[in-house]
Amino acid sequence: MGSEIKMNNALNWFEIPANDIKRAKKFYETIFAFEMPTLDIGDGLKMALFPAESGSVGGTLIQNEEWYTPSDHKGPLVYLNANPDLDIILNRVEVAGGKITIPKRLITEENGYMAVIIDSEGNRVALHSND
């Protein structure tokens, strides 16, 4: 089967589509209580970056009418880190303009908890925490 590939993470980058990058940035900054730097790359491509340490998994909100369309039920489901407690983040979702579609639920004792939300742009996004 060839050489074995060693993967540190199954995920190394993600992009969450936005119709309005400023609104999406405000939503995620509000629910997670962090700041997201923005980039305007040109050609209608705008980004707001999630915080990430060098060498870790990173991602962005991304706006480009031609290439990205928010969706509440299709496409990949990204799980964002909601540690230390998912309830803290969920308590901010509706106030920030989102909707909780699957409330906090136990996956297993070993795997922690998850929930699914619809963000300010209409994207389905999952949240995960150990507690």
N, C-alpha and C. Protein backbone atom coordinates (compact mmCIF):
# COMPACT_ATOMS: atom_id res chain seq x y z
N MET A 1 0.81 -1.18 0.00
CA MET A 1 0.00 0.00 0.00
C MET A 1 0.86 1.26 0.00
N GLY A 2 2.16 1.14 -0.01
CA GLY A 2 3.03 2.31 -0.06
C GLY A 2 3.41 2.80 1.32
N SER A 3 4.02 3.94 1.36
CA SER A 3 4.48 4.53 2.61
C SER A 3 3.30 5.00 3.47
N GLU A 4 3.44 4.75 4.76
CA GLU A 4 2.42 5.21 5.71
C GLU A 4 2.58 6.71 5.94
N ILE A 5 1.48 7.42 5.94
CA ILE A 5 1.49 8.86 6.19
C ILE A 5 1.15 9.10 7.64
N LYS A 6 1.99 9.90 8.32
CA LYS A 6 1.73 10.23 9.72
C LYS A 6 0.98 11.55 9.77
N MET A 7 -0.19 11.53 10.41
CA MET A 7 -1.02 12.72 10.54
C MET A 7 -1.08 13.14 12.00
N ASN A 8 -0.70 14.39 12.30
CA ASN A 8 -0.84 14.90 13.66
C ASN A 8 -2.29 15.26 13.95
N ASN A 9 -2.97 15.80 12.98
CA ASN A 9 -4.38 16.18 13.09
C ASN A 9 -5.10 15.76 11.82
N ALA A 10 -6.34 15.36 11.95
CA ALA A 10 -7.13 15.05 10.77
C ALA A 10 -7.52 16.33 10.04
N LEU A 11 -7.52 17.43 10.76
CA LEU A 11 -7.90 18.72 10.21
C LEU A 11 -6.74 19.69 10.37
N ASN A 12 -6.38 20.42 9.30
CA ASN A 12 -5.33 21.42 9.46
C ASN A 12 -5.75 22.81 9.00
N TRP A 13 -6.92 22.96 8.41
CA TRP A 13 -7.45 24.26 8.01
C TRP A 13 -8.93 24.12 7.73
N PHE A 14 -9.69 25.16 8.01
CA PHE A 14 -11.11 25.14 7.65
C PHE A 14 -11.52 26.53 7.22
N GLU A 15 -12.55 26.59 6.40
CA GLU A 15 -13.11 27.85 5.93
C GLU A 15 -14.62 27.80 6.10
N ILE A 16 -15.17 28.80 6.78
CA ILE A 16 -16.61 28.91 6.99
C ILE A 16 -17.11 30.06 6.12
N PRO A 17 -17.98 29.79 5.15
CA PRO A 17 -18.46 30.83 4.24
C PRO A 17 -19.26 31.92 4.95
N ALA A 18 -19.15 33.13 4.42
CA ALA A 18 -19.91 34.27 4.93
C ALA A 18 -20.45 35.10 3.78
N ASN A 19 -21.67 35.59 3.93
CA ASN A 19 -22.21 36.55 2.97
C ASN A 19 -21.81 37.96 3.35
N ASP A 20 -21.63 38.19 4.65
CA ASP A 20 -21.27 39.50 5.19
C ASP A 20 -20.15 39.27 6.21
N ILE A 21 -18.91 39.48 5.81
CA ILE A 21 -17.76 39.14 6.64
C ILE A 21 -17.76 39.92 7.96
N LYS A 22 -18.21 41.17 7.95
CA LYS A 22 -18.25 41.96 9.19
C LYS A 22 -19.25 41.38 10.18
N ARG A 23 -20.43 40.99 9.69
CA ARG A 23 -21.46 40.39 10.56
C ARG A 23 -20.98 39.05 11.11
N ALA A 24 -20.40 38.22 10.25
CA ALA A 24 -19.91 36.90 10.67
C ALA A 24 -18.79 37.05 11.70
N LYS A 25 -17.88 37.97 11.46
CA LYS A 25 -16.78 38.23 12.39
C LYS A 25 -17.34 38.65 13.76
N LYS A 26 -18.30 39.54 13.76
CA LYS A 26 -18.90 40.00 15.02
C LYS A 26 -19.56 38.83 15.76
N PHE A 27 -20.27 37.95 15.04
CA PHE A 27 -20.92 36.79 15.64
C PHE A 27 -19.90 35.91 16.37
N TYR A 28 -18.83 35.50 15.68
CA TYR A 28 -17.85 34.60 16.28
C TYR A 28 -17.03 35.29 17.37
N GLU A 29 -16.71 36.57 17.19
CA GLU A 29 -16.02 37.29 18.25
C GLU A 29 -16.89 37.40 19.50
N THR A 30 -18.19 37.54 19.30
CA THR A 30 -19.12 37.64 20.43
C THR A 30 -19.26 36.32 21.18
N ILE A 31 -19.48 35.23 20.46
CA ILE A 31 -19.72 33.97 21.17
C ILE A 31 -18.46 33.40 21.81
N PHE A 32 -17.29 33.61 21.19
CA PHE A 32 -16.05 33.08 21.75
C PHE A 32 -15.26 34.09 22.56
N ALA A 33 -15.63 35.36 22.52
CA ALA A 33 -14.95 36.43 23.25
C ALA A 33 -13.46 36.51 22.89
N PHE A 34 -13.17 36.50 21.59
CA PHE A 34 -11.81 36.74 21.09
C PHE A 34 -11.89 37.66 19.89
N GLU A 35 -10.72 38.12 19.42
CA GLU A 35 -10.68 39.00 18.25
C GLU A 35 -10.15 38.23 17.05
N MET A 36 -10.67 38.58 15.87
CA MET A 36 -10.28 37.93 14.63
C MET A 36 -9.71 38.98 13.67
N PRO A 37 -8.42 38.87 13.33
CA PRO A 37 -7.87 39.79 12.35
C PRO A 37 -8.49 39.55 10.97
N THR A 38 -8.60 40.60 10.17
CA THR A 38 -9.20 40.47 8.85
C THR A 38 -8.16 40.66 7.75
N LEU A 39 -8.44 40.05 6.61
CA LEU A 39 -7.61 40.18 5.42
C LEU A 39 -8.53 40.44 4.22
N ASP A 40 -8.12 41.34 3.35
CA ASP A 40 -8.80 41.54 2.07
C ASP A 40 -7.76 41.20 1.01
N ILE A 41 -7.87 40.01 0.44
CA ILE A 41 -6.85 39.50 -0.46
C ILE A 41 -7.01 40.05 -1.88
N GLY A 42 -8.16 40.62 -2.17
CA GLY A 42 -8.44 41.09 -3.53
C GLY A 42 -9.31 40.08 -4.26
N ASP A 43 -9.74 40.42 -5.44
CA ASP A 43 -10.63 39.56 -6.24
C ASP A 43 -11.90 39.20 -5.47
N GLY A 44 -12.35 40.08 -4.57
CA GLY A 44 -13.58 39.83 -3.81
C GLY A 44 -13.41 38.84 -2.68
N LEU A 45 -12.19 38.46 -2.33
CA LEU A 45 -11.92 37.46 -1.30
C LEU A 45 -11.55 38.16 0.01
N LYS A 46 -12.43 38.00 1.02
CA LYS A 46 -12.21 38.60 2.33
C LYS A 46 -12.21 37.49 3.38
N MET A 47 -11.36 37.66 4.41
CA MET A 47 -11.23 36.64 5.44
C MET A 47 -11.17 37.28 6.82
N ALA A 48 -11.63 36.53 7.83
CA ALA A 48 -11.43 36.87 9.24
C ALA A 48 -10.88 35.59 9.88
N LEU A 49 -9.69 35.68 10.45
CA LEU A 49 -8.96 34.51 10.91
C LEU A 49 -9.27 34.14 12.36
N PHE A 50 -9.54 32.85 12.58
CA PHE A 50 -9.68 32.34 13.94
C PHE A 50 -8.30 32.30 14.59
N PRO A 51 -8.21 32.54 15.90
CA PRO A 51 -6.91 32.48 16.57
C PRO A 51 -6.32 31.07 16.46
N ALA A 52 -5.02 31.00 16.22
CA ALA A 52 -4.34 29.71 16.16
C ALA A 52 -2.86 29.92 16.44
N GLU A 53 -2.30 29.03 17.23
CA GLU A 53 -0.86 29.08 17.49
C GLU A 53 -0.13 28.48 16.31
N SER A 54 1.10 28.88 16.11
CA SER A 54 1.93 28.36 15.04
C SER A 54 2.00 26.84 15.14
N GLY A 55 1.80 26.16 14.04
CA GLY A 55 1.86 24.71 14.01
C GLY A 55 0.59 24.00 14.44
N SER A 56 -0.47 24.78 14.79
CA SER A 56 -1.73 24.15 15.19
C SER A 56 -2.76 24.31 14.08
N VAL A 57 -3.94 23.79 14.29
CA VAL A 57 -5.02 23.87 13.31
C VAL A 57 -5.56 25.30 13.27
N GLY A 58 -5.72 25.83 12.08
CA GLY A 58 -6.25 27.17 11.91
C GLY A 58 -7.43 27.17 10.95
N GLY A 59 -8.09 28.33 10.88
CA GLY A 59 -9.21 28.44 9.97
C GLY A 59 -9.67 29.88 9.85
N THR A 60 -10.67 30.08 9.00
CA THR A 60 -11.11 31.43 8.69
C THR A 60 -12.59 31.49 8.34
N LEU A 61 -13.17 32.63 8.56
CA LEU A 61 -14.42 32.98 7.91
C LEU A 61 -14.01 33.48 6.54
N ILE A 62 -14.78 33.21 5.52
CA ILE A 62 -14.34 33.61 4.19
C ILE A 62 -15.53 34.08 3.36
N GLN A 63 -15.34 35.18 2.65
CA GLN A 63 -16.39 35.74 1.81
C GLN A 63 -15.88 35.89 0.39
N ASN A 64 -16.57 35.25 -0.54
CA ASN A 64 -16.35 35.41 -1.97
C ASN A 64 -17.60 34.87 -2.64
N GLU A 65 -18.38 35.75 -3.24
CA GLU A 65 -19.67 35.36 -3.82
C GLU A 65 -19.57 34.24 -4.84
N GLU A 66 -18.45 34.19 -5.56
CA GLU A 66 -18.29 33.21 -6.63
C GLU A 66 -18.00 31.80 -6.11
N TRP A 67 -17.26 31.70 -5.00
CA TRP A 67 -16.74 30.40 -4.57
C TRP A 67 -17.35 29.83 -3.31
N TYR A 68 -18.01 30.66 -2.48
CA TYR A 68 -18.49 30.20 -1.19
C TYR A 68 -19.95 30.55 -0.97
N THR A 69 -20.73 29.58 -0.48
CA THR A 69 -22.13 29.79 -0.17
C THR A 69 -22.43 29.17 1.19
N PRO A 70 -22.87 29.97 2.17
CA PRO A 70 -23.24 29.41 3.46
C PRO A 70 -24.36 28.37 3.32
N SER A 71 -24.38 27.38 4.22
CA SER A 71 -25.41 26.35 4.18
C SER A 71 -25.73 25.87 5.58
N ASP A 72 -27.02 25.64 5.85
CA ASP A 72 -27.41 25.15 7.17
C ASP A 72 -27.65 23.65 7.20
N HIS A 73 -27.43 22.95 6.07
CA HIS A 73 -27.70 21.50 6.07
C HIS A 73 -26.89 20.72 5.05
N LYS A 74 -25.99 21.36 4.30
CA LYS A 74 -25.20 20.64 3.30
C LYS A 74 -23.72 20.87 3.54
N GLY A 75 -22.92 20.03 2.98
CA GLY A 75 -21.49 20.23 3.04
C GLY A 75 -20.87 19.75 4.33
N PRO A 76 -19.57 20.02 4.50
CA PRO A 76 -18.84 19.55 5.68
C PRO A 76 -19.40 20.15 6.96
N LEU A 77 -19.24 19.42 8.04
CA LEU A 77 -19.62 19.92 9.36
C LEU A 77 -18.34 20.12 10.16
N VAL A 78 -18.01 21.36 10.46
CA VAL A 78 -16.81 21.71 11.19
C VAL A 78 -17.14 21.76 12.67
N TYR A 79 -16.30 21.13 13.49
CA TYR A 79 -16.45 21.17 14.95
C TYR A 79 -15.45 22.16 15.51
N LEU A 80 -15.94 23.24 16.13
CA LEU A 80 -15.08 24.23 16.75
C LEU A 80 -14.93 23.92 18.23
N ASN A 81 -13.77 24.23 18.78
CA ASN A 81 -13.44 23.94 20.16
C ASN A 81 -14.18 24.90 21.09
N ALA A 82 -15.04 24.36 21.95
CA ALA A 82 -15.82 25.16 22.91
C ALA A 82 -15.40 24.86 24.35
N ASN A 83 -14.17 24.37 24.55
CA ASN A 83 -13.66 24.14 25.90
C ASN A 83 -13.45 25.46 26.61
N PRO A 84 -13.60 25.53 27.90
CA PRO A 84 -13.70 24.42 28.83
C PRO A 84 -15.13 23.91 29.03
N ASP A 85 -16.16 24.69 28.63
CA ASP A 85 -17.54 24.26 28.86
C ASP A 85 -18.43 24.78 27.74
N LEU A 86 -19.01 23.88 27.01
CA LEU A 86 -19.88 24.19 25.88
C LEU A 86 -21.02 25.13 26.25
N ASP A 87 -21.53 25.04 27.47
CA ASP A 87 -22.64 25.90 27.90
C ASP A 87 -22.29 27.39 27.82
N ILE A 88 -21.05 27.73 28.10
CA ILE A 88 -20.63 29.13 28.05
C ILE A 88 -20.84 29.69 26.64
N ILE A 89 -20.42 28.95 25.64
CA ILE A 89 -20.55 29.38 24.24
C ILE A 89 -22.01 29.36 23.82
N LEU A 90 -22.73 28.28 24.14
CA LEU A 90 -24.14 28.18 23.75
C LEU A 90 -24.98 29.32 24.32
N ASN A 91 -24.65 29.78 25.51
CA ASN A 91 -25.40 30.88 26.12
C ASN A 91 -25.25 32.19 25.36
N ARG A 92 -24.27 32.29 24.48
CA ARG A 92 -24.03 33.51 23.70
C ARG A 92 -24.58 33.43 22.27
N VAL A 93 -24.92 32.25 21.80
CA VAL A 93 -25.28 32.05 20.39
C VAL A 93 -26.48 32.88 19.95
N GLU A 94 -27.61 32.75 20.63
CA GLU A 94 -28.82 33.44 20.19
C GLU A 94 -28.71 34.94 20.36
N VAL A 95 -28.06 35.40 21.42
CA VAL A 95 -27.84 36.83 21.64
C VAL A 95 -27.01 37.42 20.50
N ALA A 96 -26.09 36.63 19.95
CA ALA A 96 -25.22 37.08 18.87
C ALA A 96 -25.86 36.95 17.49
N GLY A 97 -27.08 36.41 17.42
CA GLY A 97 -27.77 36.31 16.13
C GLY A 97 -27.79 34.93 15.53
N GLY A 98 -27.42 33.91 16.30
CA GLY A 98 -27.43 32.55 15.80
C GLY A 98 -28.60 31.75 16.36
N LYS A 99 -28.60 30.45 16.07
CA LYS A 99 -29.68 29.57 16.51
C LYS A 99 -29.07 28.23 16.90
N ILE A 100 -29.56 27.64 17.97
CA ILE A 100 -29.11 26.30 18.40
C ILE A 100 -30.05 25.27 17.79
N THR A 101 -29.51 24.37 16.97
CA THR A 101 -30.36 23.36 16.33
C THR A 101 -30.26 22.00 17.02
N ILE A 102 -29.11 21.70 17.60
CA ILE A 102 -28.95 20.49 18.43
C ILE A 102 -28.35 20.96 19.75
N PRO A 103 -29.13 20.93 20.84
CA PRO A 103 -28.60 21.37 22.13
C PRO A 103 -27.47 20.48 22.60
N LYS A 104 -26.77 20.93 23.62
CA LYS A 104 -25.65 20.18 24.19
C LYS A 104 -26.08 18.75 24.49
N ARG A 105 -25.27 17.82 24.02
CA ARG A 105 -25.54 16.41 24.31
C ARG A 105 -24.23 15.66 24.46
N LEU A 106 -24.28 14.63 25.28
CA LEU A 106 -23.11 13.79 25.53
C LEU A 106 -22.86 12.89 24.32
N ILE A 107 -21.63 12.89 23.85
CA ILE A 107 -21.24 11.94 22.79
C ILE A 107 -20.97 10.61 23.49
N THR A 108 -19.91 10.58 24.29
CA THR A 108 -19.60 9.49 25.23
C THR A 108 -18.78 10.14 26.35
N GLU A 109 -18.62 9.45 27.45
CA GLU A 109 -17.81 9.99 28.55
C GLU A 109 -16.39 10.31 28.07
N GLU A 110 -15.86 9.47 27.19
CA GLU A 110 -14.49 9.67 26.69
C GLU A 110 -14.40 10.79 25.67
N ASN A 111 -15.48 11.03 24.93
CA ASN A 111 -15.43 11.99 23.82
C ASN A 111 -16.08 13.34 24.12
N GLY A 112 -16.68 13.50 25.28
CA GLY A 112 -17.22 14.79 25.66
C GLY A 112 -18.59 15.11 25.09
N TYR A 113 -18.82 16.41 24.86
CA TYR A 113 -20.14 16.93 24.48
C TYR A 113 -20.09 17.65 23.14
N MET A 114 -21.24 17.73 22.50
CA MET A 114 -21.35 18.44 21.24
C MET A 114 -22.68 19.16 21.16
N ALA A 115 -22.74 20.12 20.26
CA ALA A 115 -23.98 20.83 19.93
C ALA A 115 -23.81 21.32 18.50
N VAL A 116 -24.93 21.65 17.85
CA VAL A 116 -24.87 22.22 16.50
C VAL A 116 -25.65 23.53 16.51
N ILE A 117 -25.05 24.53 15.87
CA ILE A 117 -25.68 25.84 15.78
C ILE A 117 -25.79 26.27 14.32
N ILE A 118 -26.61 27.26 14.08
CA ILE A 118 -26.63 27.97 12.81
C ILE A 118 -26.04 29.34 13.13
N ASP A 119 -24.98 29.74 12.41
CA ASP A 119 -24.34 31.02 12.71
C ASP A 119 -25.09 32.19 12.07
N SER A 120 -24.56 33.37 12.19
CA SER A 120 -25.20 34.57 11.66
C SER A 120 -25.33 34.57 10.15
N GLU A 121 -24.55 33.72 9.48
CA GLU A 121 -24.58 33.65 8.02
C GLU A 121 -25.45 32.52 7.49
N GLY A 122 -25.99 31.69 8.39
CA GLY A 122 -26.81 30.56 7.97
C GLY A 122 -26.04 29.26 7.84
N ASN A 123 -24.79 29.22 8.31
CA ASN A 123 -23.99 27.99 8.27
C ASN A 123 -24.30 27.08 9.44
N ARG A 124 -24.31 25.79 9.18
CA ARG A 124 -24.39 24.78 10.23
C ARG A 124 -22.95 24.56 10.73
N VAL A 125 -22.75 24.75 12.05
CA VAL A 125 -21.43 24.60 12.66
C VAL A 125 -21.62 23.82 13.95
N ALA A 126 -20.73 22.86 14.21
CA ALA A 126 -20.78 22.09 15.44
C ALA A 126 -19.81 22.68 16.46
N LEU A 127 -20.12 22.48 17.72
CA LEU A 127 -19.25 22.89 18.82
C LEU A 127 -18.95 21.66 19.66
N HIS A 128 -17.73 21.59 20.23
CA HIS A 128 -17.34 20.43 21.03
C HIS A 128 -16.61 20.90 22.28
N SER A 129 -16.89 20.24 23.41
CA SER A 129 -16.12 20.49 24.63
C SER A 129 -16.03 19.20 25.43
N ASN A 130 -15.06 19.16 26.34
CA ASN A 130 -14.91 18.00 27.20
C ASN A 130 -15.96 17.97 28.29
N ASP A 131 -16.46 19.15 28.69
CA ASP A 131 -17.49 19.26 29.73
C ASP A 131 -18.73 19.92 29.18
